[in-house]
Amino acid sequence: MKILDTLLAEKLMQINAIKLQPDSPFAWATGWNSPIYTDLRMTLSYPEVRNLIKVEMARLIMENFGDAEVIAGIATGAIAHGALVADSLALPMVYVRSTPKDHGLENLIEGDIKPNQKVVLIEDQLSTGNNCMKCLNTVREAGGIVLGAVVIFDYQFSQAAKALRRAKLPYITLTNFETMMDVALDSGRITDADADTLNQWHSDPENWTPAGFDPID
């Protein structure tokens, strides 16, 4: 039987929730060029994959954060997954915005967190770690006690890992970049040359430039 990280990486690529384009890179919102793009909202359209994620996240929370009282989905990508997990565990659910709503109460947290409630964060992907850190700080400022985070896909960037360690935020991931690379190579989705390109990007994603790219001065 395949272990979870390998099985999920396979399924995410099968449904194009993870896309690899070494020869035609994507532009991320950060401004980075990237040969990989993840859209984990895509999993919501595939009940088998959606249910696998829900069940495994709930299991990890019960095993590692068993006294959780609230599930917090990080907007916007993890809102639906947070709701699914909260429902599975019969726990209250909130979601946390990266910026305040521009009308009404201007909330950062949608839902109700009471002081000293124990919270587990749900995140779809961990790249720079900025969204996770913002959510952590928002929940703490609201009086919540963040036990940890559960993430679907981890890009395994050192800067994110260091930031979350400094913030004393334990986190668990379902699958990750290294596993995805192994699966992509084994299945023939990428060549050895493609793998070299992806690894070069991964070592310095902020400054990586696609081969043949000619910037305009």
N, C-alpha and C. Protein backbone atom coordinates (compact mmCIF):
# COMPACT_ATOMS: atom_id res chain seq x y z
N MET A 1 0.84 -1.21 0.00
CA MET A 1 0.00 0.00 0.00
C MET A 1 0.87 1.25 0.00
N LYS A 2 0.56 2.20 -0.87
CA LYS A 2 1.34 3.43 -0.95
C LYS A 2 1.11 4.28 0.28
N ILE A 3 2.19 4.93 0.73
CA ILE A 3 2.02 5.83 1.86
C ILE A 3 1.33 7.10 1.41
N LEU A 4 0.79 7.82 2.37
CA LEU A 4 -0.09 8.95 2.07
C LEU A 4 0.56 10.00 1.17
N ASP A 5 1.79 10.42 1.47
CA ASP A 5 2.36 11.54 0.71
C ASP A 5 2.53 11.18 -0.77
N THR A 6 2.91 9.93 -1.05
CA THR A 6 3.06 9.49 -2.43
C THR A 6 1.70 9.37 -3.12
N LEU A 7 0.76 8.75 -2.45
CA LEU A 7 -0.58 8.57 -3.02
C LEU A 7 -1.23 9.91 -3.34
N LEU A 8 -1.14 10.86 -2.42
CA LEU A 8 -1.78 12.15 -2.65
C LEU A 8 -1.08 12.94 -3.74
N ALA A 9 0.25 12.89 -3.78
CA ALA A 9 0.98 13.58 -4.84
C ALA A 9 0.55 13.07 -6.21
N GLU A 10 0.38 11.75 -6.33
CA GLU A 10 -0.09 11.17 -7.58
C GLU A 10 -1.46 11.72 -7.96
N LYS A 11 -2.37 11.72 -7.01
CA LYS A 11 -3.74 12.15 -7.28
C LYS A 11 -3.79 13.64 -7.62
N LEU A 12 -2.99 14.45 -6.95
CA LEU A 12 -3.00 15.89 -7.22
C LEU A 12 -2.52 16.18 -8.65
N MET A 13 -1.54 15.43 -9.12
CA MET A 13 -1.08 15.63 -10.49
C MET A 13 -2.07 15.08 -11.50
N GLN A 14 -2.72 14.00 -11.16
CA GLN A 14 -3.71 13.41 -12.07
C GLN A 14 -4.87 14.37 -12.36
N ILE A 15 -5.26 15.15 -11.35
CA ILE A 15 -6.40 16.06 -11.54
C ILE A 15 -5.95 17.49 -11.87
N ASN A 16 -4.65 17.65 -12.13
CA ASN A 16 -4.08 18.96 -12.46
C ASN A 16 -4.19 19.98 -11.34
N ALA A 17 -4.27 19.50 -10.10
CA ALA A 17 -4.16 20.41 -8.96
C ALA A 17 -2.71 20.84 -8.78
N ILE A 18 -1.79 20.04 -9.31
CA ILE A 18 -0.38 20.42 -9.43
C ILE A 18 -0.02 20.35 -10.90
N LYS A 19 0.47 21.46 -11.43
CA LYS A 19 0.86 21.52 -12.84
C LYS A 19 2.35 21.82 -12.93
N LEU A 20 3.04 21.05 -13.77
CA LEU A 20 4.48 21.23 -13.97
C LEU A 20 4.73 21.66 -15.41
N GLN A 21 5.35 22.84 -15.57
CA GLN A 21 5.64 23.37 -16.91
C GLN A 21 7.05 23.97 -16.93
N PRO A 22 8.08 23.13 -16.88
CA PRO A 22 9.45 23.67 -16.88
C PRO A 22 9.78 24.52 -18.10
N ASP A 23 9.14 24.21 -19.24
CA ASP A 23 9.44 24.96 -20.47
C ASP A 23 8.55 26.19 -20.66
N SER A 24 7.54 26.32 -19.83
CA SER A 24 6.62 27.45 -19.96
C SER A 24 6.17 27.89 -18.56
N PRO A 25 7.06 28.54 -17.82
CA PRO A 25 6.81 28.84 -16.40
C PRO A 25 5.61 29.74 -16.16
N PHE A 26 5.10 29.62 -14.96
CA PHE A 26 3.99 30.45 -14.49
C PHE A 26 4.55 31.69 -13.79
N ALA A 27 3.72 32.71 -13.66
CA ALA A 27 4.05 33.88 -12.86
C ALA A 27 3.22 33.82 -11.58
N TRP A 28 3.88 33.76 -10.44
CA TRP A 28 3.18 33.74 -9.16
C TRP A 28 2.79 35.15 -8.74
N ALA A 29 1.85 35.24 -7.81
CA ALA A 29 1.43 36.54 -7.29
C ALA A 29 2.59 37.25 -6.58
N THR A 30 3.56 36.50 -6.10
CA THR A 30 4.73 37.08 -5.44
C THR A 30 5.64 37.79 -6.43
N GLY A 31 5.40 37.55 -7.74
CA GLY A 31 6.29 38.08 -8.76
C GLY A 31 7.35 37.09 -9.20
N TRP A 32 7.39 35.92 -8.54
CA TRP A 32 8.35 34.89 -8.92
C TRP A 32 7.92 34.21 -10.22
N ASN A 33 8.90 33.80 -11.02
CA ASN A 33 8.66 32.86 -12.10
C ASN A 33 8.74 31.46 -11.52
N SER A 34 7.88 30.57 -11.97
CA SER A 34 7.85 29.23 -11.39
C SER A 34 7.48 28.17 -12.42
N PRO A 35 8.20 27.03 -12.43
CA PRO A 35 7.85 25.93 -13.33
C PRO A 35 6.75 25.04 -12.76
N ILE A 36 6.23 25.40 -11.60
CA ILE A 36 5.17 24.62 -10.95
C ILE A 36 4.07 25.56 -10.47
N TYR A 37 2.83 25.07 -10.58
CA TYR A 37 1.70 25.84 -10.07
C TYR A 37 0.73 24.88 -9.38
N THR A 38 0.30 25.25 -8.21
CA THR A 38 -0.66 24.42 -7.47
C THR A 38 -1.98 25.17 -7.33
N ASP A 39 -3.07 24.47 -7.63
CA ASP A 39 -4.42 24.99 -7.44
C ASP A 39 -5.21 23.92 -6.70
N LEU A 40 -5.11 23.92 -5.38
CA LEU A 40 -5.70 22.84 -4.59
C LEU A 40 -7.20 22.99 -4.40
N ARG A 41 -7.77 24.10 -4.88
CA ARG A 41 -9.23 24.19 -4.93
C ARG A 41 -9.78 23.14 -5.90
N MET A 42 -8.95 22.76 -6.85
CA MET A 42 -9.36 21.75 -7.84
C MET A 42 -9.80 20.45 -7.16
N THR A 43 -9.24 20.16 -6.00
CA THR A 43 -9.58 18.91 -5.30
C THR A 43 -11.06 18.86 -4.91
N LEU A 44 -11.68 20.00 -4.76
CA LEU A 44 -13.08 20.05 -4.33
C LEU A 44 -14.00 19.44 -5.39
N SER A 45 -13.56 19.42 -6.64
CA SER A 45 -14.37 18.87 -7.72
C SER A 45 -14.20 17.36 -7.88
N TYR A 46 -13.34 16.77 -7.08
CA TYR A 46 -13.07 15.33 -7.16
C TYR A 46 -13.32 14.70 -5.80
N PRO A 47 -14.51 14.12 -5.59
CA PRO A 47 -14.90 13.61 -4.28
C PRO A 47 -13.89 12.64 -3.66
N GLU A 48 -13.28 11.77 -4.47
CA GLU A 48 -12.33 10.81 -3.91
C GLU A 48 -11.13 11.52 -3.29
N VAL A 49 -10.59 12.51 -4.02
CA VAL A 49 -9.43 13.25 -3.52
C VAL A 49 -9.83 14.15 -2.36
N ARG A 50 -10.95 14.82 -2.51
CA ARG A 50 -11.46 15.69 -1.45
C ARG A 50 -11.65 14.92 -0.15
N ASN A 51 -12.21 13.71 -0.25
CA ASN A 51 -12.48 12.91 0.94
C ASN A 51 -11.18 12.40 1.56
N LEU A 52 -10.21 12.03 0.71
CA LEU A 52 -8.92 11.59 1.23
C LEU A 52 -8.28 12.69 2.06
N ILE A 53 -8.30 13.91 1.53
CA ILE A 53 -7.71 15.05 2.26
C ILE A 53 -8.45 15.29 3.57
N LYS A 54 -9.76 15.27 3.52
CA LYS A 54 -10.57 15.51 4.73
C LYS A 54 -10.27 14.46 5.79
N VAL A 55 -10.30 13.20 5.41
CA VAL A 55 -10.11 12.11 6.37
C VAL A 55 -8.71 12.16 6.98
N GLU A 56 -7.69 12.39 6.15
CA GLU A 56 -6.33 12.38 6.65
C GLU A 56 -6.03 13.61 7.51
N MET A 57 -6.59 14.75 7.15
CA MET A 57 -6.40 15.93 8.00
C MET A 57 -7.07 15.72 9.35
N ALA A 58 -8.27 15.18 9.34
CA ALA A 58 -8.97 14.92 10.60
C ALA A 58 -8.18 13.93 11.45
N ARG A 59 -7.64 12.89 10.82
CA ARG A 59 -6.85 11.90 11.55
C ARG A 59 -5.62 12.54 12.19
N LEU A 60 -4.92 13.36 11.42
CA LEU A 60 -3.71 14.00 11.94
C LEU A 60 -4.02 14.94 13.09
N ILE A 61 -5.14 15.63 13.00
CA ILE A 61 -5.53 16.52 14.10
C ILE A 61 -5.84 15.70 15.35
N MET A 62 -6.58 14.61 15.21
CA MET A 62 -6.90 13.78 16.37
C MET A 62 -5.64 13.19 17.00
N GLU A 63 -4.67 12.82 16.16
CA GLU A 63 -3.45 12.19 16.67
C GLU A 63 -2.47 13.19 17.28
N ASN A 64 -2.45 14.41 16.75
CA ASN A 64 -1.42 15.37 17.16
C ASN A 64 -1.95 16.57 17.94
N PHE A 65 -3.20 16.91 17.72
CA PHE A 65 -3.79 18.08 18.39
C PHE A 65 -5.17 17.69 18.92
N GLY A 66 -5.18 16.64 19.72
CA GLY A 66 -6.44 16.02 20.13
C GLY A 66 -7.35 16.88 20.96
N ASP A 67 -6.81 17.95 21.57
CA ASP A 67 -7.66 18.82 22.38
C ASP A 67 -8.10 20.08 21.62
N ALA A 68 -8.01 20.03 20.29
CA ALA A 68 -8.46 21.18 19.49
C ALA A 68 -9.94 21.47 19.73
N GLU A 69 -10.25 22.76 19.76
CA GLU A 69 -11.63 23.20 19.99
C GLU A 69 -12.23 23.94 18.81
N VAL A 70 -11.37 24.46 17.93
CA VAL A 70 -11.82 25.23 16.76
C VAL A 70 -10.90 24.91 15.59
N ILE A 71 -11.47 24.77 14.40
CA ILE A 71 -10.70 24.63 13.16
C ILE A 71 -10.76 25.96 12.42
N ALA A 72 -9.60 26.46 12.02
CA ALA A 72 -9.52 27.75 11.31
C ALA A 72 -8.96 27.54 9.91
N GLY A 73 -9.78 27.75 8.89
CA GLY A 73 -9.32 27.69 7.51
C GLY A 73 -8.69 29.02 7.12
N ILE A 74 -7.57 28.95 6.42
CA ILE A 74 -6.89 30.17 5.99
C ILE A 74 -7.42 30.57 4.61
N ALA A 75 -7.96 31.77 4.50
CA ALA A 75 -8.56 32.25 3.26
C ALA A 75 -7.49 32.46 2.19
N THR A 76 -7.87 32.24 0.93
CA THR A 76 -9.18 31.71 0.59
C THR A 76 -9.12 30.22 0.26
N GLY A 77 -7.92 29.75 -0.06
CA GLY A 77 -7.77 28.40 -0.57
C GLY A 77 -8.16 27.30 0.38
N ALA A 78 -8.08 27.55 1.69
CA ALA A 78 -8.33 26.48 2.66
C ALA A 78 -9.67 26.61 3.38
N ILE A 79 -10.51 27.54 2.95
CA ILE A 79 -11.80 27.71 3.62
C ILE A 79 -12.63 26.44 3.50
N ALA A 80 -12.79 25.94 2.29
CA ALA A 80 -13.63 24.75 2.09
C ALA A 80 -13.06 23.54 2.81
N HIS A 81 -11.75 23.36 2.73
CA HIS A 81 -11.14 22.22 3.41
C HIS A 81 -11.29 22.34 4.93
N GLY A 82 -11.19 23.55 5.43
CA GLY A 82 -11.40 23.75 6.86
C GLY A 82 -12.80 23.37 7.29
N ALA A 83 -13.78 23.74 6.46
CA ALA A 83 -15.17 23.41 6.77
C ALA A 83 -15.39 21.90 6.75
N LEU A 84 -14.81 21.21 5.77
CA LEU A 84 -14.95 19.76 5.68
C LEU A 84 -14.35 19.07 6.89
N VAL A 85 -13.17 19.51 7.29
CA VAL A 85 -12.49 18.91 8.44
C VAL A 85 -13.24 19.19 9.74
N ALA A 86 -13.70 20.44 9.90
CA ALA A 86 -14.45 20.78 11.10
C ALA A 86 -15.72 19.96 11.21
N ASP A 87 -16.39 19.77 10.09
CA ASP A 87 -17.61 18.97 10.09
C ASP A 87 -17.30 17.51 10.45
N SER A 88 -16.21 16.99 9.92
CA SER A 88 -15.82 15.62 10.22
C SER A 88 -15.53 15.42 11.70
N LEU A 89 -14.94 16.44 12.33
CA LEU A 89 -14.58 16.36 13.74
C LEU A 89 -15.67 16.90 14.66
N ALA A 90 -16.75 17.39 14.07
CA ALA A 90 -17.84 18.01 14.85
C ALA A 90 -17.33 19.14 15.73
N LEU A 91 -16.51 20.01 15.11
CA LEU A 91 -15.94 21.15 15.83
C LEU A 91 -16.38 22.46 15.16
N PRO A 92 -16.39 23.56 15.92
CA PRO A 92 -16.65 24.87 15.32
C PRO A 92 -15.58 25.20 14.28
N MET A 93 -15.96 26.01 13.31
CA MET A 93 -15.02 26.41 12.26
C MET A 93 -15.11 27.91 12.03
N VAL A 94 -13.93 28.51 11.79
CA VAL A 94 -13.85 29.91 11.37
C VAL A 94 -12.93 29.96 10.16
N TYR A 95 -12.94 31.11 9.48
CA TYR A 95 -11.86 31.30 8.52
C TYR A 95 -11.24 32.67 8.74
N VAL A 96 -9.97 32.76 8.34
CA VAL A 96 -9.17 33.94 8.64
C VAL A 96 -8.72 34.59 7.35
N ARG A 97 -9.04 35.88 7.21
CA ARG A 97 -8.66 36.66 6.03
C ARG A 97 -7.23 37.17 6.16
N SER A 98 -6.59 37.41 5.03
CA SER A 98 -5.25 38.01 5.05
C SER A 98 -5.34 39.52 5.24
N THR A 99 -6.46 40.12 4.79
CA THR A 99 -6.70 41.55 4.98
C THR A 99 -8.14 41.74 5.46
N PRO A 100 -8.41 42.81 6.19
CA PRO A 100 -9.77 43.01 6.70
C PRO A 100 -10.79 43.18 5.58
N LYS A 101 -12.01 42.76 5.84
CA LYS A 101 -13.11 43.02 4.92
C LYS A 101 -13.27 44.53 4.77
N ASP A 102 -13.57 44.99 3.57
CA ASP A 102 -13.58 46.44 3.31
C ASP A 102 -14.93 47.09 3.58
N HIS A 103 -15.83 46.37 4.27
CA HIS A 103 -17.12 46.95 4.62
C HIS A 103 -17.64 46.28 5.88
N GLY A 104 -18.74 46.77 6.40
CA GLY A 104 -19.35 46.16 7.58
C GLY A 104 -18.44 46.24 8.79
N LEU A 105 -18.19 45.09 9.43
CA LEU A 105 -17.38 45.04 10.64
C LEU A 105 -15.88 44.99 10.37
N GLU A 106 -15.51 44.90 9.10
CA GLU A 106 -14.09 44.85 8.70
C GLU A 106 -13.37 43.71 9.41
N ASN A 107 -14.01 42.56 9.47
CA ASN A 107 -13.45 41.42 10.20
C ASN A 107 -12.23 40.83 9.50
N LEU A 108 -11.29 40.35 10.33
CA LEU A 108 -10.23 39.48 9.84
C LEU A 108 -10.62 38.02 10.06
N ILE A 109 -11.35 37.77 11.14
CA ILE A 109 -11.83 36.42 11.43
C ILE A 109 -13.33 36.36 11.20
N GLU A 110 -13.75 35.45 10.35
CA GLU A 110 -15.17 35.24 10.11
C GLU A 110 -15.61 34.01 10.91
N GLY A 111 -16.47 34.24 11.88
CA GLY A 111 -16.86 33.20 12.81
C GLY A 111 -16.48 33.64 14.22
N ASP A 112 -16.54 32.72 15.14
CA ASP A 112 -16.40 33.09 16.56
C ASP A 112 -15.28 32.30 17.22
N ILE A 113 -14.24 33.00 17.66
CA ILE A 113 -13.20 32.41 18.50
C ILE A 113 -13.26 33.07 19.86
N LYS A 114 -13.41 32.26 20.88
CA LYS A 114 -13.45 32.78 22.25
C LYS A 114 -12.05 32.76 22.85
N PRO A 115 -11.77 33.67 23.80
CA PRO A 115 -10.45 33.71 24.43
C PRO A 115 -10.06 32.35 24.99
N ASN A 116 -8.81 31.98 24.73
CA ASN A 116 -8.19 30.74 25.23
C ASN A 116 -8.71 29.47 24.58
N GLN A 117 -9.52 29.58 23.51
CA GLN A 117 -9.89 28.38 22.78
C GLN A 117 -8.69 27.87 21.99
N LYS A 118 -8.59 26.55 21.91
CA LYS A 118 -7.47 25.92 21.23
C LYS A 118 -7.82 25.70 19.76
N VAL A 119 -6.95 26.23 18.90
CA VAL A 119 -7.24 26.32 17.46
C VAL A 119 -6.21 25.56 16.64
N VAL A 120 -6.68 24.88 15.61
CA VAL A 120 -5.79 24.27 14.61
C VAL A 120 -6.04 24.96 13.28
N LEU A 121 -4.97 25.40 12.64
CA LEU A 121 -5.05 26.06 11.34
C LEU A 121 -5.05 25.03 10.21
N ILE A 122 -5.83 25.28 9.18
CA ILE A 122 -5.84 24.46 7.97
C ILE A 122 -5.37 25.33 6.81
N GLU A 123 -4.32 24.88 6.13
CA GLU A 123 -3.77 25.63 5.00
C GLU A 123 -3.68 24.70 3.78
N ASP A 124 -3.96 25.25 2.60
CA ASP A 124 -3.89 24.39 1.42
C ASP A 124 -2.45 24.18 0.97
N GLN A 125 -1.64 25.25 0.93
CA GLN A 125 -0.25 25.10 0.51
C GLN A 125 0.65 26.02 1.32
N LEU A 126 1.84 25.54 1.58
CA LEU A 126 2.83 26.31 2.33
C LEU A 126 3.97 26.64 1.40
N SER A 127 4.09 27.92 1.04
CA SER A 127 5.19 28.35 0.17
C SER A 127 6.09 29.30 0.95
N THR A 128 5.80 30.59 0.92
CA THR A 128 6.62 31.53 1.69
C THR A 128 6.33 31.45 3.18
N GLY A 129 5.14 30.97 3.53
CA GLY A 129 4.74 30.93 4.94
C GLY A 129 4.06 32.19 5.41
N ASN A 130 3.97 33.21 4.54
CA ASN A 130 3.41 34.50 4.96
C ASN A 130 1.94 34.39 5.38
N ASN A 131 1.14 33.66 4.60
CA ASN A 131 -0.29 33.54 4.95
C ASN A 131 -0.47 32.84 6.28
N CYS A 132 0.31 31.80 6.49
CA CYS A 132 0.21 31.05 7.74
C CYS A 132 0.60 31.93 8.93
N MET A 133 1.64 32.72 8.75
CA MET A 133 2.09 33.60 9.84
C MET A 133 1.06 34.68 10.14
N LYS A 134 0.46 35.25 9.09
CA LYS A 134 -0.58 36.26 9.31
C LYS A 134 -1.76 35.66 10.08
N CYS A 135 -2.16 34.47 9.67
CA CYS A 135 -3.28 33.80 10.33
C CYS A 135 -2.95 33.49 11.78
N LEU A 136 -1.75 32.99 12.01
CA LEU A 136 -1.31 32.70 13.37
C LEU A 136 -1.40 33.93 14.25
N ASN A 137 -0.87 35.05 13.77
CA ASN A 137 -0.87 36.28 14.56
C ASN A 137 -2.29 36.81 14.78
N THR A 138 -3.14 36.69 13.76
CA THR A 138 -4.53 37.16 13.89
C THR A 138 -5.27 36.37 14.96
N VAL A 139 -5.12 35.05 14.93
CA VAL A 139 -5.82 34.20 15.91
C VAL A 139 -5.27 34.47 17.32
N ARG A 140 -3.98 34.62 17.45
CA ARG A 140 -3.39 34.92 18.76
C ARG A 140 -3.88 36.26 19.29
N GLU A 141 -3.95 37.25 18.40
CA GLU A 141 -4.44 38.57 18.82
C GLU A 141 -5.90 38.52 19.26
N ALA A 142 -6.64 37.57 18.71
CA ALA A 142 -8.05 37.41 19.10
C ALA A 142 -8.20 36.60 20.39
N GLY A 143 -7.09 36.14 20.93
CA GLY A 143 -7.13 35.40 22.19
C GLY A 143 -7.09 33.89 22.04
N GLY A 144 -7.03 33.41 20.80
CA GLY A 144 -6.98 31.97 20.58
C GLY A 144 -5.60 31.40 20.85
N ILE A 145 -5.55 30.14 21.20
CA ILE A 145 -4.29 29.42 21.41
C ILE A 145 -4.10 28.48 20.22
N VAL A 146 -3.12 28.77 19.39
CA VAL A 146 -2.91 27.97 18.18
C VAL A 146 -2.04 26.76 18.51
N LEU A 147 -2.63 25.59 18.37
CA LEU A 147 -1.91 24.35 18.67
C LEU A 147 -0.96 23.96 17.55
N GLY A 148 -1.35 24.26 16.31
CA GLY A 148 -0.53 23.88 15.17
C GLY A 148 -1.30 24.06 13.88
N ALA A 149 -0.70 23.62 12.79
CA ALA A 149 -1.30 23.74 11.47
C ALA A 149 -1.18 22.41 10.73
N VAL A 150 -2.17 22.15 9.88
CA VAL A 150 -2.13 21.00 8.98
C VAL A 150 -2.24 21.53 7.55
N VAL A 151 -1.32 21.12 6.70
CA VAL A 151 -1.16 21.68 5.35
C VAL A 151 -1.27 20.55 4.32
N ILE A 152 -1.94 20.83 3.21
CA ILE A 152 -2.05 19.81 2.16
C ILE A 152 -0.72 19.63 1.43
N PHE A 153 -0.15 20.72 0.91
CA PHE A 153 1.08 20.62 0.10
C PHE A 153 2.11 21.61 0.61
N ASP A 154 3.31 21.09 0.87
CA ASP A 154 4.42 21.90 1.38
C ASP A 154 5.49 22.02 0.30
N TYR A 155 5.79 23.26 -0.09
CA TYR A 155 6.86 23.49 -1.06
C TYR A 155 8.25 23.24 -0.46
N GLN A 156 8.32 23.13 0.84
CA GLN A 156 9.57 22.84 1.56
C GLN A 156 10.63 23.91 1.34
N PHE A 157 10.20 25.17 1.33
CA PHE A 157 11.16 26.26 1.27
C PHE A 157 11.71 26.50 2.68
N SER A 158 13.02 26.69 2.78
CA SER A 158 13.65 26.84 4.09
C SER A 158 13.15 28.08 4.82
N GLN A 159 12.83 29.15 4.08
CA GLN A 159 12.41 30.38 4.74
C GLN A 159 11.09 30.19 5.48
N ALA A 160 10.18 29.40 4.92
CA ALA A 160 8.90 29.14 5.59
C ALA A 160 9.12 28.29 6.82
N ALA A 161 9.93 27.25 6.70
CA ALA A 161 10.19 26.38 7.84
C ALA A 161 10.83 27.16 8.99
N LYS A 162 11.78 28.02 8.67
CA LYS A 162 12.45 28.82 9.70
C LYS A 162 11.47 29.78 10.38
N ALA A 163 10.62 30.41 9.58
CA ALA A 163 9.66 31.38 10.14
C ALA A 163 8.69 30.70 11.09
N LEU A 164 8.19 29.52 10.71
CA LEU A 164 7.23 28.83 11.57
C LEU A 164 7.89 28.27 12.82
N ARG A 165 9.15 27.86 12.69
CA ARG A 165 9.88 27.42 13.89
C ARG A 165 10.07 28.58 14.86
N ARG A 166 10.44 29.74 14.33
CA ARG A 166 10.63 30.92 15.19
C ARG A 166 9.33 31.28 15.89
N ALA A 167 8.22 31.11 15.19
CA ALA A 167 6.91 31.44 15.77
C ALA A 167 6.37 30.33 16.67
N LYS A 168 7.14 29.23 16.78
CA LYS A 168 6.75 28.08 17.61
C LYS A 168 5.40 27.53 17.17
N LEU A 169 5.27 27.37 15.85
CA LEU A 169 4.05 26.80 15.28
C LEU A 169 4.36 25.43 14.70
N PRO A 170 3.96 24.35 15.37
CA PRO A 170 4.13 23.02 14.79
C PRO A 170 3.23 22.88 13.56
N TYR A 171 3.72 22.19 12.53
CA TYR A 171 2.88 21.97 11.37
C TYR A 171 3.14 20.59 10.78
N ILE A 172 2.09 20.04 10.21
CA ILE A 172 2.13 18.70 9.62
C ILE A 172 1.63 18.83 8.18
N THR A 173 2.28 18.15 7.25
CA THR A 173 1.89 18.25 5.86
C THR A 173 1.49 16.88 5.31
N LEU A 174 0.54 16.89 4.37
CA LEU A 174 0.09 15.64 3.77
C LEU A 174 1.04 15.17 2.68
N THR A 175 1.55 16.10 1.88
CA THR A 175 2.54 15.76 0.87
C THR A 175 3.41 16.98 0.62
N ASN A 176 4.43 16.82 -0.22
CA ASN A 176 5.42 17.89 -0.33
C ASN A 176 6.14 17.85 -1.68
N PHE A 177 6.99 18.85 -1.87
CA PHE A 177 7.70 19.03 -3.13
C PHE A 177 8.60 17.84 -3.46
N GLU A 178 9.35 17.36 -2.49
CA GLU A 178 10.27 16.26 -2.73
C GLU A 178 9.53 15.00 -3.19
N THR A 179 8.44 14.68 -2.50
CA THR A 179 7.65 13.51 -2.88
C THR A 179 7.05 13.69 -4.27
N MET A 180 6.52 14.88 -4.53
CA MET A 180 5.94 15.17 -5.83
C MET A 180 6.97 14.98 -6.95
N MET A 181 8.21 15.41 -6.71
CA MET A 181 9.27 15.25 -7.70
C MET A 181 9.54 13.78 -7.98
N ASP A 182 9.60 12.98 -6.92
CA ASP A 182 9.84 11.54 -7.09
C ASP A 182 8.73 10.90 -7.92
N VAL A 183 7.49 11.26 -7.59
CA VAL A 183 6.34 10.69 -8.31
C VAL A 183 6.34 11.13 -9.77
N ALA A 184 6.65 12.40 -10.01
CA ALA A 184 6.65 12.93 -11.38
C ALA A 184 7.70 12.24 -12.24
N LEU A 185 8.86 11.99 -11.67
CA LEU A 185 9.92 11.30 -12.41
C LEU A 185 9.56 9.84 -12.65
N ASP A 186 9.10 9.17 -11.61
CA ASP A 186 8.77 7.74 -11.73
C ASP A 186 7.65 7.49 -12.74
N SER A 187 6.73 8.44 -12.82
CA SER A 187 5.58 8.26 -13.72
C SER A 187 5.85 8.76 -15.14
N GLY A 188 7.01 9.39 -15.36
CA GLY A 188 7.34 9.91 -16.68
C GLY A 188 6.72 11.25 -16.99
N ARG A 189 6.17 11.91 -15.98
CA ARG A 189 5.57 13.23 -16.24
C ARG A 189 6.63 14.27 -16.54
N ILE A 190 7.83 14.07 -16.01
CA ILE A 190 8.94 14.98 -16.29
C ILE A 190 10.18 14.16 -16.63
N THR A 191 11.10 14.77 -17.34
CA THR A 191 12.38 14.15 -17.68
C THR A 191 13.42 14.51 -16.62
N ASP A 192 14.59 13.89 -16.72
CA ASP A 192 15.69 14.25 -15.81
C ASP A 192 16.07 15.72 -15.98
N ALA A 193 16.03 16.20 -17.22
CA ALA A 193 16.35 17.62 -17.47
C ALA A 193 15.31 18.52 -16.82
N ASP A 194 14.04 18.13 -16.91
CA ASP A 194 12.98 18.90 -16.26
C ASP A 194 13.20 18.93 -14.75
N ALA A 195 13.59 17.79 -14.20
CA ALA A 195 13.82 17.70 -12.76
C ALA A 195 14.95 18.64 -12.34
N ASP A 196 16.00 18.72 -13.17
CA ASP A 196 17.10 19.65 -12.88
C ASP A 196 16.59 21.09 -12.84
N THR A 197 15.72 21.43 -13.80
CA THR A 197 15.15 22.78 -13.85
C THR A 197 14.33 23.06 -12.59
N LEU A 198 13.48 22.12 -12.21
CA LEU A 198 12.64 22.29 -11.03
C LEU A 198 13.48 22.41 -9.77
N ASN A 199 14.54 21.63 -9.66
CA ASN A 199 15.39 21.70 -8.47
C ASN A 199 16.18 23.00 -8.42
N GLN A 200 16.62 23.48 -9.58
CA GLN A 200 17.31 24.78 -9.62
C GLN A 200 16.37 25.89 -9.14
N TRP A 201 15.13 25.85 -9.64
CA TRP A 201 14.13 26.82 -9.18
C TRP A 201 13.93 26.71 -7.68
N HIS A 202 13.78 25.50 -7.19
CA HIS A 202 13.47 25.28 -5.77
C HIS A 202 14.58 25.79 -4.87
N SER A 203 15.82 25.76 -5.33
CA SER A 203 16.94 26.21 -4.50
C SER A 203 16.98 27.72 -4.33
N ASP A 204 16.38 28.46 -5.29
CA ASP A 204 16.36 29.93 -5.21
C ASP A 204 15.17 30.47 -5.99
N PRO A 205 13.94 30.20 -5.53
CA PRO A 205 12.75 30.54 -6.32
C PRO A 205 12.58 32.03 -6.57
N GLU A 206 13.04 32.84 -5.65
CA GLU A 206 12.84 34.29 -5.78
C GLU A 206 13.65 34.86 -6.94
N ASN A 207 14.81 34.28 -7.20
CA ASN A 207 15.71 34.84 -8.21
C ASN A 207 15.85 33.98 -9.45
N TRP A 208 15.11 32.87 -9.50
CA TRP A 208 15.24 31.95 -10.64
C TRP A 208 14.72 32.61 -11.93
N THR A 209 15.49 32.43 -12.99
CA THR A 209 15.10 32.96 -14.30
C THR A 209 14.98 31.80 -15.29
N PRO A 210 13.88 31.68 -16.00
CA PRO A 210 13.73 30.60 -16.98
C PRO A 210 14.80 30.65 -18.05
N ALA A 211 15.21 29.49 -18.53
CA ALA A 211 16.20 29.43 -19.62
C ALA A 211 15.66 30.17 -20.84
N GLY A 212 16.50 30.99 -21.43
CA GLY A 212 16.09 31.71 -22.63
C GLY A 212 15.34 33.00 -22.35
N PHE A 213 15.14 33.29 -21.05
CA PHE A 213 14.40 34.51 -20.71
C PHE A 213 15.26 35.72 -20.90
N ASP A 214 14.76 36.70 -21.61
CA ASP A 214 15.51 37.92 -21.92
C ASP A 214 14.78 39.11 -21.33
N PRO A 215 15.14 39.52 -20.09
CA PRO A 215 14.44 40.63 -19.46
C PRO A 215 14.60 41.93 -20.22
N ILE A 216 13.56 42.73 -20.19
CA ILE A 216 13.59 44.05 -20.86
C ILE A 216 14.05 45.10 -19.86
N ASP A 217 15.08 45.83 -20.22
CA ASP A 217 15.62 46.87 -19.33
C ASP A 217 14.71 48.09 -19.33
